[in-house]
Each structure stands twice: as C-alpha cells, then as structure tokens.
PDB file of all heavy atoms in Angstrom:
ATOM      1  N   ARG A   1     -44.434-117.183 175.940  1.00  0.00           N
ATOM      2  CA  ARG A   1     -45.249-118.280 175.401  1.00  0.00           C
ATOM      3  C   ARG A   1     -44.336-119.307 174.744  1.00  0.00           C
ATOM      4  O   ARG A   1     -43.208-118.998 174.335  1.00  0.00           O
ATOM      5  CB  ARG A   1     -46.265-117.755 174.394  1.00  0.00           C
ATOM      6  CG  ARG A   1     -45.659-117.199 173.121  1.00  0.00           C
ATOM      7  CD  ARG A   1     -46.693-116.507 172.250  1.00  0.00           C
ATOM      8  NE  ARG A   1     -46.092-116.020 171.007  1.00  0.00           N
ATOM      9  CZ  ARG A   1     -45.413-114.899 170.870  1.00  0.00           C
ATOM     10  NH1 ARG A   1     -45.235-114.110 171.915  1.00  0.00           N
ATOM     11  NH2 ARG A   1     -44.895-114.547 169.710  1.00  0.00           N
ATOM     12  N   GLU A   2     -44.835-120.537 174.624  1.00  0.00           N
ATOM     13  CA  GLU A   2     -44.046-121.609 174.023  1.00  0.00           C
ATOM     14  C   GLU A   2     -43.916-121.398 172.510  1.00  0.00           C
ATOM     15  O   GLU A   2     -44.720-120.686 171.894  1.00  0.00           O
ATOM     16  CB  GLU A   2     -44.704-122.963 174.326  1.00  0.00           C
ATOM     17  CG  GLU A   2     -43.937-124.182 173.825  1.00  0.00           C
ATOM     18  CD  GLU A   2     -42.545-124.336 174.410  1.00  0.00           C
ATOM     19  OE1 GLU A   2     -41.658-123.525 174.042  1.00  0.00           O
ATOM     20  OE2 GLU A   2     -42.335-125.271 175.210  1.00  0.00           O
ATOM     21  N   ILE A   3     -42.903-122.022 171.931  1.00  0.00           N
ATOM     22  CA  ILE A   3     -42.713-121.974 170.482  1.00  0.00           C
ATOM     23  C   ILE A   3     -43.920-122.620 169.790  1.00  0.00           C
ATOM     24  O   ILE A   3     -44.559-123.526 170.331  1.00  0.00           O
ATOM     25  CB  ILE A   3     -41.408-122.714 170.092  1.00  0.00           C
ATOM     26  CG1 ILE A   3     -41.017-122.418 168.647  1.00  0.00           C
ATOM     27  CG2 ILE A   3     -41.526-124.209 170.334  1.00  0.00           C
ATOM     28  CD1 ILE A   3     -39.618-122.908 168.286  1.00  0.00           C
ATOM     29  N   CYS A   4     -44.247-122.141 168.598  1.00  0.00           N
ATOM     30  CA  CYS A   4     -45.332-122.725 167.817  1.00  0.00           C
ATOM     31  C   CYS A   4     -44.794-123.864 166.960  1.00  0.00           C
ATOM     32  O   CYS A   4     -43.816-123.673 166.215  1.00  0.00           O
ATOM     33  CB  CYS A   4     -45.982-121.665 166.928  1.00  0.00           C
ATOM     34  SG  CYS A   4     -47.240-122.335 165.803  1.00  0.00           S
ATOM     35  N   PHE A   5     -45.407-125.028 167.073  1.00  0.00           N
ATOM     36  CA  PHE A   5     -44.983-126.189 166.292  1.00  0.00           C
ATOM     37  C   PHE A   5     -45.718-126.307 164.958  1.00  0.00           C
ATOM     38  O   PHE A   5     -45.577-127.314 164.253  1.00  0.00           O
ATOM     39  CB  PHE A   5     -45.162-127.466 167.113  1.00  0.00           C
ATOM     40  CG  PHE A   5     -44.271-127.526 168.332  1.00  0.00           C
ATOM     41  CD1 PHE A   5     -44.817-127.496 169.609  1.00  0.00           C
ATOM     42  CD2 PHE A   5     -42.897-127.592 168.206  1.00  0.00           C
ATOM     43  CE1 PHE A   5     -44.010-127.541 170.731  1.00  0.00           C
ATOM     44  CE2 PHE A   5     -42.071-127.632 169.313  1.00  0.00           C
ATOM     45  CZ  PHE A   5     -42.631-127.606 170.595  1.00  0.00           C
ATOM     46  N   GLY A   6     -46.491-125.304 164.608  1.00  0.00           N
ATOM     47  CA  GLY A   6     -47.104-125.248 163.285  1.00  0.00           C
ATOM     48  C   GLY A   6     -47.992-126.436 162.984  1.00  0.00           C
ATOM     49  O   GLY A   6     -48.888-126.804 163.754  1.00  0.00           O
ATOM     50  N   ASP A   7     -47.741-127.067 161.842  1.00  0.00           N
ATOM     51  CA  ASP A   7     -48.571-128.189 161.392  1.00  0.00           C
ATOM     52  C   ASP A   7     -48.397-129.429 162.254  1.00  0.00           C
ATOM     53  O   ASP A   7     -49.157-130.395 162.122  1.00  0.00           O
ATOM     54  CB  ASP A   7     -48.228-128.536 159.940  1.00  0.00           C
ATOM     55  CG  ASP A   7     -48.504-127.387 158.982  1.00  0.00           C
ATOM     56  OD1 ASP A   7     -49.394-126.569 159.295  1.00  0.00           O
ATOM     57  OD2 ASP A   7     -47.818-127.290 157.945  1.00  0.00           O
ATOM     58  N   ALA A   8     -47.401-129.411 163.141  1.00  0.00           N
ATOM     59  CA  ALA A   8     -47.152-130.553 164.014  1.00  0.00           C
ATOM     60  C   ALA A   8     -47.787-130.384 165.395  1.00  0.00           C
ATOM     61  O   ALA A   8     -47.618-131.239 166.263  1.00  0.00           O
ATOM     62  CB  ALA A   8     -45.646-130.769 164.172  1.00  0.00           C
ATOM     63  N   GLU A   9     -48.537-129.306 165.598  1.00  0.00           N
ATOM     64  CA  GLU A   9     -49.158-129.069 166.904  1.00  0.00           C
ATOM     65  C   GLU A   9     -50.014-130.266 167.324  1.00  0.00           C
ATOM     66  O   GLU A   9     -50.849-130.757 166.561  1.00  0.00           O
ATOM     67  CB  GLU A   9     -50.032-127.817 166.867  1.00  0.00           C
ATOM     68  CG  GLU A   9     -49.281-126.514 166.910  1.00  0.00           C
ATOM     69  CD  GLU A   9     -48.760-126.155 168.300  1.00  0.00           C
ATOM     70  OE1 GLU A   9     -49.287-126.687 169.291  1.00  0.00           O
ATOM     71  OE2 GLU A   9     -47.827-125.340 168.380  1.00  0.00           O
ATOM     72  N   GLY A  10     -49.787-130.713 168.552  1.00  0.00           N
ATOM     73  CA  GLY A  10     -50.581-131.786 169.126  1.00  0.00           C
ATOM     74  C   GLY A  10     -50.147-133.182 168.741  1.00  0.00           C
ATOM     75  O   GLY A  10     -50.704-134.166 169.236  1.00  0.00           O
ATOM     76  N   MET A  11     -49.140-133.310 167.894  1.00  0.00           N
ATOM     77  CA  MET A  11     -48.686-134.632 167.451  1.00  0.00           C
ATOM     78  C   MET A  11     -47.637-135.205 168.401  1.00  0.00           C
ATOM     79  O   MET A  11     -46.954-134.475 169.116  1.00  0.00           O
ATOM     80  CB  MET A  11     -48.070-134.544 166.053  1.00  0.00           C
ATOM     81  CG  MET A  11     -49.024-134.223 164.933  1.00  0.00           C
ATOM     82  SD  MET A  11     -48.156-134.269 163.325  1.00  0.00           S
ATOM     83  CE  MET A  11     -49.501-133.947 162.207  1.00  0.00           C
ATOM     84  N   THR A  12     -47.505-136.524 168.390  1.00  0.00           N
ATOM     85  CA  THR A  12     -46.384-137.187 169.050  1.00  0.00           C
ATOM     86  C   THR A  12     -45.189-137.166 168.089  1.00  0.00           C
ATOM     87  O   THR A  12     -45.341-136.859 166.894  1.00  0.00           O
ATOM     88  CB  THR A  12     -46.704-138.646 169.386  1.00  0.00           C
ATOM     89  OG1 THR A  12     -46.915-139.368 168.160  1.00  0.00           O
ATOM     90  CG2 THR A  12     -47.955-138.747 170.247  1.00  0.00           C
ATOM     91  N   ARG A  13     -44.034-137.537 168.585  1.00  0.00           N
ATOM     92  CA  ARG A  13     -42.862-137.595 167.714  1.00  0.00           C
ATOM     93  C   ARG A  13     -43.078-138.587 166.571  1.00  0.00           C
ATOM     94  O   ARG A  13     -42.705-138.332 165.427  1.00  0.00           O
ATOM     95  CB  ARG A  13     -41.613-137.975 168.512  1.00  0.00           C
ATOM     96  CG  ARG A  13     -40.326-137.938 167.665  1.00  0.00           C
ATOM     97  CD  ARG A  13     -39.108-138.355 168.445  1.00  0.00           C
ATOM     98  NE  ARG A  13     -37.941-138.396 167.573  1.00  0.00           N
ATOM     99  CZ  ARG A  13     -37.023-137.450 167.505  1.00  0.00           C
ATOM    100  NH1 ARG A  13     -37.134-136.364 168.242  1.00  0.00           N
ATOM    101  NH2 ARG A  13     -35.984-137.585 166.691  1.00  0.00           N
ATOM    102  N   GLU A  14     -43.694-139.710 166.899  1.00  0.00           N
ATOM    103  CA  GLU A  14     -43.941-140.735 165.882  1.00  0.00           C
ATOM    104  C   GLU A  14     -44.925-140.241 164.822  1.00  0.00           C
ATOM    105  O   GLU A  14     -44.755-140.527 163.625  1.00  0.00           O
ATOM    106  CB  GLU A  14     -44.461-142.010 166.546  1.00  0.00           C
ATOM    107  CG  GLU A  14     -43.466-142.727 167.442  1.00  0.00           C
ATOM    108  CD  GLU A  14     -43.211-142.028 168.772  1.00  0.00           C
ATOM    109  OE1 GLU A  14     -44.076-141.216 169.195  1.00  0.00           O
ATOM    110  OE2 GLU A  14     -42.154-142.295 169.383  1.00  0.00           O
ATOM    111  N   GLU A  15     -45.931-139.497 165.245  1.00  0.00           N
ATOM    112  CA  GLU A  15     -46.897-138.952 164.286  1.00  0.00           C
ATOM    113  C   GLU A  15     -46.249-137.899 163.393  1.00  0.00           C
ATOM    114  O   GLU A  15     -46.565-137.815 162.200  1.00  0.00           O
ATOM    115  CB  GLU A  15     -48.092-138.364 165.035  1.00  0.00           C
ATOM    116  CG  GLU A  15     -48.986-139.437 165.660  1.00  0.00           C
ATOM    117  CD  GLU A  15     -50.000-138.874 166.644  1.00  0.00           C
ATOM    118  OE1 GLU A  15     -49.862-137.695 167.063  1.00  0.00           O
ATOM    119  OE2 GLU A  15     -50.934-139.615 167.008  1.00  0.00           O
ATOM    120  N   ILE A  16     -45.347-137.114 163.970  1.00  0.00           N
ATOM    121  CA  ILE A  16     -44.615-136.131 163.153  1.00  0.00           C
ATOM    122  C   ILE A  16     -43.752-136.851 162.133  1.00  0.00           C
ATOM    123  O   ILE A  16     -43.682-136.456 160.963  1.00  0.00           O
ATOM    124  CB  ILE A  16     -43.759-135.219 164.053  1.00  0.00           C
ATOM    125  CG1 ILE A  16     -44.652-134.370 164.969  1.00  0.00           C
ATOM    126  CG2 ILE A  16     -42.857-134.314 163.209  1.00  0.00           C
ATOM    127  CD1 ILE A  16     -43.896-133.615 166.044  1.00  0.00           C
ATOM    128  N   ASP A  17     -43.107-137.903 162.557  1.00  0.00           N
ATOM    129  CA  ASP A  17     -42.238-138.669 161.653  1.00  0.00           C
ATOM    130  C   ASP A  17     -43.041-139.247 160.498  1.00  0.00           C
ATOM    131  O   ASP A  17     -42.588-139.252 159.344  1.00  0.00           O
ATOM    132  CB  ASP A  17     -41.552-139.789 162.430  1.00  0.00           C
ATOM    133  CG  ASP A  17     -40.471-140.467 161.621  1.00  0.00           C
ATOM    134  OD1 ASP A  17     -39.618-139.755 161.048  1.00  0.00           O
ATOM    135  OD2 ASP A  17     -40.460-141.711 161.548  1.00  0.00           O
ATOM    136  N   ALA A  18     -44.254-139.725 160.789  1.00  0.00           N
ATOM    137  CA  ALA A  18     -45.092-140.304 159.742  1.00  0.00           C
ATOM    138  C   ALA A  18     -45.610-139.225 158.787  1.00  0.00           C
ATOM    139  O   ALA A  18     -45.674-139.439 157.570  1.00  0.00           O
ATOM    140  CB  ALA A  18     -46.266-141.054 160.368  1.00  0.00           C
ATOM    141  N   ALA A  19     -45.973-138.063 159.330  1.00  0.00           N
ATOM    142  CA  ALA A  19     -46.546-137.001 158.499  1.00  0.00           C
ATOM    143  C   ALA A  19     -45.472-136.237 157.718  1.00  0.00           C
ATOM    144  O   ALA A  19     -45.725-135.776 156.598  1.00  0.00           O
ATOM    145  CB  ALA A  19     -47.343-136.031 159.370  1.00  0.00           C
ATOM    146  N   PHE A  20     -44.307-136.106 158.309  1.00  0.00           N
ATOM    147  CA  PHE A  20     -43.210-135.327 157.697  1.00  0.00           C
ATOM    148  C   PHE A  20     -41.931-136.152 157.779  1.00  0.00           C
ATOM    149  O   PHE A  20     -41.053-135.891 158.617  1.00  0.00           O
ATOM    150  CB  PHE A  20     -43.046-133.983 158.418  1.00  0.00           C
ATOM    151  CG  PHE A  20     -44.337-133.214 158.591  1.00  0.00           C
ATOM    152  CD1 PHE A  20     -45.005-133.201 159.814  1.00  0.00           C
ATOM    153  CD2 PHE A  20     -44.890-132.516 157.522  1.00  0.00           C
ATOM    154  CE1 PHE A  20     -46.187-132.500 159.982  1.00  0.00           C
ATOM    155  CE2 PHE A  20     -46.083-131.811 157.678  1.00  0.00           C
ATOM    156  CZ  PHE A  20     -46.735-131.812 158.910  1.00  0.00           C
ATOM    157  N   PRO A  21     -41.797-137.165 156.932  1.00  0.00           N
ATOM    158  CA  PRO A  21     -40.719-138.155 157.083  1.00  0.00           C
ATOM    159  C   PRO A  21     -39.306-137.592 156.996  1.00  0.00           C
ATOM    160  O   PRO A  21     -38.365-138.226 157.492  1.00  0.00           O
ATOM    161  CB  PRO A  21     -40.997-139.161 155.964  1.00  0.00           C
ATOM    162  CG  PRO A  21     -41.901-138.451 155.007  1.00  0.00           C
ATOM    163  CD  PRO A  21     -42.700-137.499 155.814  1.00  0.00           C
ATOM    164  N   ASP A  22     -39.116-136.443 156.379  1.00  0.00           N
ATOM    165  CA  ASP A  22     -37.769-135.892 156.263  1.00  0.00           C
ATOM    166  C   ASP A  22     -37.461-134.835 157.329  1.00  0.00           C
ATOM    167  O   ASP A  22     -36.349-134.309 157.379  1.00  0.00           O
ATOM    168  CB  ASP A  22     -37.588-135.250 154.874  1.00  0.00           C
ATOM    169  CG  ASP A  22     -37.767-136.259 153.752  1.00  0.00           C
ATOM    170  OD1 ASP A  22     -37.361-137.421 153.936  1.00  0.00           O
ATOM    171  OD2 ASP A  22     -38.330-135.887 152.699  1.00  0.00           O
ATOM    172  N   PHE A  23     -38.448-134.552 158.173  1.00  0.00           N
ATOM    173  CA  PHE A  23     -38.281-133.413 159.075  1.00  0.00           C
ATOM    174  C   PHE A  23     -37.208-133.625 160.129  1.00  0.00           C
ATOM    175  O   PHE A  23     -36.322-132.787 160.304  1.00  0.00           O
ATOM    176  CB  PHE A  23     -39.601-133.069 159.765  1.00  0.00           C
ATOM    177  CG  PHE A  23     -39.411-132.117 160.911  1.00  0.00           C
ATOM    178  CD1 PHE A  23     -39.056-130.793 160.672  1.00  0.00           C
ATOM    179  CD2 PHE A  23     -39.514-132.546 162.238  1.00  0.00           C
ATOM    180  CE1 PHE A  23     -38.836-129.902 161.723  1.00  0.00           C
ATOM    181  CE2 PHE A  23     -39.297-131.667 163.287  1.00  0.00           C
ATOM    182  CZ  PHE A  23     -38.956-130.349 163.028  1.00  0.00           C
ATOM    183  N   TRP A  24     -37.284-134.722 160.894  1.00  0.00           N
ATOM    184  CA  TRP A  24     -36.378-134.865 162.039  1.00  0.00           C
ATOM    185  C   TRP A  24     -34.925-134.851 161.619  1.00  0.00           C
ATOM    186  O   TRP A  24     -34.079-134.225 162.277  1.00  0.00           O
ATOM    187  CB  TRP A  24     -36.694-136.142 162.817  1.00  0.00           C
ATOM    188  CG  TRP A  24     -37.934-136.035 163.640  1.00  0.00           C
ATOM    189  CD1 TRP A  24     -39.079-136.762 163.501  1.00  0.00           C
ATOM    190  CD2 TRP A  24     -38.174-135.138 164.727  1.00  0.00           C
ATOM    191  NE1 TRP A  24     -40.018-136.371 164.424  1.00  0.00           N
ATOM    192  CE2 TRP A  24     -39.491-135.379 165.200  1.00  0.00           C
ATOM    193  CE3 TRP A  24     -37.415-134.147 165.349  1.00  0.00           C
ATOM    194  CZ2 TRP A  24     -40.052-134.682 166.255  1.00  0.00           C
ATOM    195  CZ3 TRP A  24     -37.966-133.442 166.410  1.00  0.00           C
ATOM    196  CH2 TRP A  24     -39.273-133.710 166.856  1.00  0.00           C
ATOM    197  N   ALA A  25     -34.618-135.515 160.514  1.00  0.00           N
ATOM    198  CA  ALA A  25     -33.218-135.548 160.061  1.00  0.00           C
ATOM    199  C   ALA A  25     -32.739-134.140 159.728  1.00  0.00           C
ATOM    200  O   ALA A  25     -31.617-133.743 160.089  1.00  0.00           O
ATOM    201  CB  ALA A  25     -33.074-136.464 158.851  1.00  0.00           C
ATOM    202  N   ALA A  26     -33.586-133.359 159.057  1.00  0.00           N
ATOM    203  CA  ALA A  26     -33.212-131.990 158.696  1.00  0.00           C
ATOM    204  C   ALA A  26     -33.104-131.103 159.932  1.00  0.00           C
ATOM    205  O   ALA A  26     -32.174-130.291 160.056  1.00  0.00           O
ATOM    206  CB  ALA A  26     -34.232-131.415 157.716  1.00  0.00           C
TER     207      ALA A  26
END
C-alpha cells in the first residue's frame, strides 16, 4: 500500500504549503 500522508491526504503541494508552511523545508 502507498505511504500515508496523514493530515495532508488529498491536498496539492500548494495546499500543503499553505496549511503547513514549514513542512517542505524540513
């Protein structure tokens, strides 16, 4: 099965960036 993206399930990259602004850099 695919990895679970948790609270980011179903989001686009841009939506993840808006919801979790420090995530991608980390």
